[in-house]
PDB file of N, CA and C in Angstrom:
ATOM      1  N   MET A   1     -24.635   8.524   1.325  1.00  0.00           N
ATOM      2  CA  MET A   1     -23.300   8.632   0.790  1.00  0.00           C
ATOM      3  C   MET A   1     -23.218   7.863  -0.536  1.00  0.00           C
ATOM      4  N   GLN A   2     -22.525   8.451  -1.499  1.00  0.00           N
ATOM      5  CA  GLN A   2     -22.378   7.852  -2.813  1.00  0.00           C
ATOM      6  C   GLN A   2     -21.328   6.742  -2.791  1.00  0.00           C
ATOM      7  N   GLY A   3     -21.555   5.714  -3.567  1.00  0.00           N
ATOM      8  CA  GLY A   3     -20.596   4.627  -3.744  1.00  0.00           C
ATOM      9  C   GLY A   3     -20.755   4.078  -5.143  1.00  0.00           C
ATOM     10  N   TYR A   4     -19.797   3.258  -5.584  1.00  0.00           N
ATOM     11  CA  TYR A   4     -19.853   2.695  -6.921  1.00  0.00           C
ATOM     12  C   TYR A   4     -20.282   1.239  -6.840  1.00  0.00           C
ATOM     13  N   CYS A   5     -21.329   0.892  -7.548  1.00  0.00           N
ATOM     14  CA  CYS A   5     -21.807  -0.483  -7.601  1.00  0.00           C
ATOM     15  C   CYS A   5     -21.162  -1.157  -8.806  1.00  0.00           C
ATOM     16  N   VAL A   6     -20.379  -2.210  -8.553  1.00  0.00           N
ATOM     17  CA  VAL A   6     -19.689  -2.912  -9.627  1.00  0.00           C
ATOM     18  C   VAL A   6     -20.679  -3.679 -10.493  1.00  0.00           C
ATOM     19  N   LYS A   7     -21.714  -4.219  -9.896  1.00  0.00           N
ATOM     20  CA  LYS A   7     -22.699  -5.005 -10.642  1.00  0.00           C
ATOM     21  C   LYS A   7     -23.530  -4.121 -11.574  1.00  0.00           C
ATOM     22  N   CYS A   8     -24.000  -2.983 -11.080  1.00  0.00           N
ATOM     23  CA  CYS A   8     -24.800  -2.055 -11.891  1.00  0.00           C
ATOM     24  C   CYS A   8     -23.925  -1.166 -12.781  1.00  0.00           C
ATOM     25  N   ARG A   9     -22.641  -1.053 -12.422  1.00  0.00           N
ATOM     26  CA  ARG A   9     -21.701  -0.157 -13.107  1.00  0.00           C
ATOM     27  C   ARG A   9     -22.173   1.290 -13.077  1.00  0.00           C
ATOM     28  N   ALA A  10     -22.575   1.732 -11.882  1.00  0.00           N
ATOM     29  CA  ALA A  10     -23.059   3.096 -11.721  1.00  0.00           C
ATOM     30  C   ALA A  10     -22.811   3.569 -10.292  1.00  0.00           C
ATOM     31  N   SER A  11     -22.701   4.884 -10.123  1.00  0.00           N
ATOM     32  CA  SER A  11     -22.604   5.469  -8.791  1.00  0.00           C
ATOM     33  C   SER A  11     -24.007   5.637  -8.244  1.00  0.00           C
ATOM     34  N   ARG A  12     -24.196   5.166  -7.032  1.00  0.00           N
ATOM     35  CA  ARG A  12     -25.516   5.234  -6.405  1.00  0.00           C
ATOM     36  C   ARG A  12     -25.379   5.627  -4.939  1.00  0.00           C
ATOM     37  N   GLU A  13     -26.478   6.042  -4.360  1.00  0.00           N
ATOM     38  CA  GLU A  13     -26.544   6.353  -2.939  1.00  0.00           C
ATOM     39  C   GLU A  13     -26.609   5.031  -2.168  1.00  0.00           C
ATOM     40  N   MET A  14     -25.655   4.815  -1.247  1.00  0.00           N
ATOM     41  CA  MET A  14     -25.624   3.563  -0.492  1.00  0.00           C
ATOM     42  C   MET A  14     -26.706   3.527   0.570  1.00  0.00           C
ATOM     43  N   ARG A  15     -27.184   2.334   0.853  1.00  0.00           N
ATOM     44  CA  ARG A  15     -28.204   2.104   1.865  1.00  0.00           C
ATOM     45  C   ARG A  15     -27.561   1.323   3.014  1.00  0.00           C
ATOM     46  N   ASP A  16     -28.009   1.511   4.229  1.00  0.00           N
ATOM     47  CA  ASP A  16     -27.492   0.814   5.423  1.00  0.00           C
ATOM     48  C   ASP A  16     -25.977   0.957   5.549  1.00  0.00           C
ATOM     49  N   THR A  17     -25.491   2.197   5.536  1.00  0.00           N
ATOM     50  CA  THR A  17     -24.049   2.430   5.597  1.00  0.00           C
ATOM     51  C   THR A  17     -23.511   2.221   7.006  1.00  0.00           C
ATOM     52  N   LYS A  18     -22.259   1.754   7.064  1.00  0.00           N
ATOM     53  CA  LYS A  18     -21.555   1.637   8.343  1.00  0.00           C
ATOM     54  C   LYS A  18     -20.069   1.828   8.096  1.00  0.00           C
ATOM     55  N   SER A  19     -19.397   2.446   9.058  1.00  0.00           N
ATOM     56  CA  SER A  19     -17.965   2.684   8.963  1.00  0.00           C
ATOM     57  C   SER A  19     -17.223   1.415   9.369  1.00  0.00           C
ATOM     58  N   ILE A  20     -16.229   1.042   8.568  1.00  0.00           N
ATOM     59  CA  ILE A  20     -15.432  -0.139   8.850  1.00  0.00           C
ATOM     60  C   ILE A  20     -13.951   0.211   8.717  1.00  0.00           C
ATOM     61  N   THR A  21     -13.090  -0.689   9.162  1.00  0.00           N
ATOM     62  CA  THR A  21     -11.658  -0.559   8.961  1.00  0.00           C
ATOM     63  C   THR A  21     -11.214  -1.755   8.129  1.00  0.00           C
ATOM     64  N   MET A  22     -10.537  -1.476   7.021  1.00  0.00           N
ATOM     65  CA  MET A  22     -10.088  -2.553   6.142  1.00  0.00           C
ATOM     66  C   MET A  22      -8.903  -3.294   6.761  1.00  0.00           C
ATOM     67  N   LYS A  23      -8.513  -4.415   6.169  1.00  0.00           N
ATOM     68  CA  LYS A  23      -7.422  -5.239   6.697  1.00  0.00           C
ATOM     69  C   LYS A  23      -6.110  -4.469   6.809  1.00  0.00           C
ATOM     70  N   ASN A  24      -5.896  -3.503   5.911  1.00  0.00           N
ATOM     71  CA  ASN A  24      -4.656  -2.735   5.948  1.00  0.00           C
ATOM     72  C   ASN A  24      -4.731  -1.555   6.920  1.00  0.00           C
ATOM     73  N   GLY A  25      -5.837  -1.409   7.661  1.00  0.00           N
ATOM     74  CA  GLY A  25      -5.961  -0.385   8.680  1.00  0.00           C
ATOM     75  C   GLY A  25      -6.586   0.915   8.204  1.00  0.00           C
ATOM     76  N   LYS A  26      -6.911   1.024   6.931  1.00  0.00           N
ATOM     77  CA  LYS A  26      -7.497   2.251   6.407  1.00  0.00           C
ATOM     78  C   LYS A  26      -9.015   2.249   6.609  1.00  0.00           C
ATOM     79  N   PRO A  27      -9.590   3.438   6.831  1.00  0.00           N
ATOM     80  CA  PRO A  27     -11.046   3.519   7.025  1.00  0.00           C
ATOM     81  C   PRO A  27     -11.800   3.400   5.702  1.00  0.00           C
ATOM     82  N   ALA A  28     -13.011   2.891   5.777  1.00  0.00           N
ATOM     83  CA  ALA A  28     -13.874   2.766   4.599  1.00  0.00           C
ATOM     84  C   ALA A  28     -15.324   2.772   5.061  1.00  0.00           C
ATOM     85  N   THR A  29     -16.221   2.933   4.111  1.00  0.00           N
ATOM     86  CA  THR A  29     -17.651   2.870   4.381  1.00  0.00           C
ATOM     87  C   THR A  29     -18.244   1.751   3.552  1.00  0.00           C
ATOM     88  N   GLN A  30     -19.057   0.927   4.177  1.00  0.00           N
ATOM     89  CA  GLN A  30     -19.681  -0.199   3.500  1.00  0.00           C
ATOM     90  C   GLN A  30     -21.181   0.007   3.498  1.00  0.00           C
ATOM     91  N   GLY A  31     -21.821  -0.332   2.394  1.00  0.00           N
ATOM     92  CA  GLY A  31     -23.268  -0.205   2.293  1.00  0.00           C
ATOM     93  C   GLY A  31     -23.825  -1.207   1.306  1.00  0.00           C
ATOM     94  N   ILE A  32     -25.091  -1.038   0.984  1.00  0.00           N
ATOM     95  CA  ILE A  32     -25.786  -1.937   0.069  1.00  0.00           C
ATOM     96  C   ILE A  32     -26.387  -1.121  -1.065  1.00  0.00           C
ATOM     97  N   CYS A  33     -26.296  -1.655  -2.291  1.00  0.00           N
ATOM     98  CA  CYS A  33     -26.883  -0.996  -3.451  1.00  0.00           C
ATOM     99  C   CYS A  33     -28.403  -1.085  -3.350  1.00  0.00           C
ATOM    100  N   PRO A  34     -29.111   0.040  -3.482  1.00  0.00           N
ATOM    101  CA  PRO A  34     -30.568   0.016  -3.367  1.00  0.00           C
ATOM    102  C   PRO A  34     -31.257  -0.674  -4.540  1.00  0.00           C
ATOM    103  N   VAL A  35     -30.574  -0.839  -5.666  1.00  0.00           N
ATOM    104  CA  VAL A  35     -31.189  -1.437  -6.859  1.00  0.00           C
ATOM    105  C   VAL A  35     -31.011  -2.954  -6.881  1.00  0.00           C
ATOM    106  N   CYS A  36     -29.742  -3.423  -6.738  1.00  0.00           N
ATOM    107  CA  CYS A  36     -29.489  -4.858  -6.901  1.00  0.00           C
ATOM    108  C   CYS A  36     -29.157  -5.581  -5.603  1.00  0.00           C
ATOM    109  N   GLY A  37     -28.852  -4.847  -4.520  1.00  0.00           N
ATOM    110  CA  GLY A  37     -28.585  -5.474  -3.230  1.00  0.00           C
ATOM    111  C   GLY A  37     -27.154  -5.928  -3.020  1.00  0.00           C
ATOM    112  N   THR A  38     -26.230  -5.569  -3.916  1.00  0.00           N
ATOM    113  CA  THR A  38     -24.825  -5.938  -3.806  1.00  0.00           C
ATOM    114  C   THR A  38     -24.124  -5.048  -2.787  1.00  0.00           C
ATOM    115  N   LYS A  39     -23.093  -5.593  -2.108  1.00  0.00           N
ATOM    116  CA  LYS A  39     -22.290  -4.789  -1.189  1.00  0.00           C
ATOM    117  C   LYS A  39     -21.523  -3.739  -1.973  1.00  0.00           C
ATOM    118  N   MET A  40     -21.455  -2.542  -1.409  1.00  0.00           N
ATOM    119  CA  MET A  40     -20.730  -1.428  -2.026  1.00  0.00           C
ATOM    120  C   MET A  40     -19.728  -0.904  -1.012  1.00  0.00           C
ATOM    121  N   PHE A  41     -18.596  -0.385  -1.503  1.00  0.00           N
ATOM    122  CA  PHE A  41     -17.585   0.176  -0.642  1.00  0.00           C
ATOM    123  C   PHE A  41     -17.179   1.553  -1.133  1.00  0.00           C
ATOM    124  N   ARG A  42     -16.782   2.383  -0.176  1.00  0.00           N
ATOM    125  CA  ARG A  42     -16.154   3.669  -0.488  1.00  0.00           C
ATOM    126  C   ARG A  42     -14.968   3.799   0.452  1.00  0.00           C
ATOM    127  N   ILE A  43     -13.777   3.880  -0.114  1.00  0.00           N
ATOM    128  CA  ILE A  43     -12.569   3.955   0.679  1.00  0.00           C
ATOM    129  C   ILE A  43     -12.350   5.387   1.151  1.00  0.00           C
ATOM    130  N   GLY A  44     -11.937   5.548   2.408  1.00  0.00           N
ATOM    131  CA  GLY A  44     -11.691   6.858   2.987  1.00  0.00           C
ATOM    132  C   GLY A  44     -12.700   7.158   4.080  1.00  0.00           C
ATOM    133  N   LYS A  45     -12.398   8.207   4.845  1.00  0.00           N
ATOM    134  CA  LYS A  45     -13.317   8.600   5.920  1.00  0.00           C
ATOM    135  C   LYS A  45     -14.641   9.034   5.340  1.00  0.00           C
ATOM    136  N   GLY A  46     -15.707   8.710   6.040  1.00  0.00           N
ATOM    137  CA  GLY A  46     -16.997   9.108   5.515  1.00  0.00           C
ATOM    138  C   GLY A  46     -17.987   9.246   6.514  1.00  0.00           C
TER     139      GLY A  46
END
């Protein structure tokens, strides 16, 4: 799944993705950037 890496400033394919629920109750997907290792998020069902 694609996500935006703030550190690299590019859209990349996330690694080790998992579905989470944010504090406001909305669904999101969390993963890791394959290049720099920073946490990445994509808001919405995924």
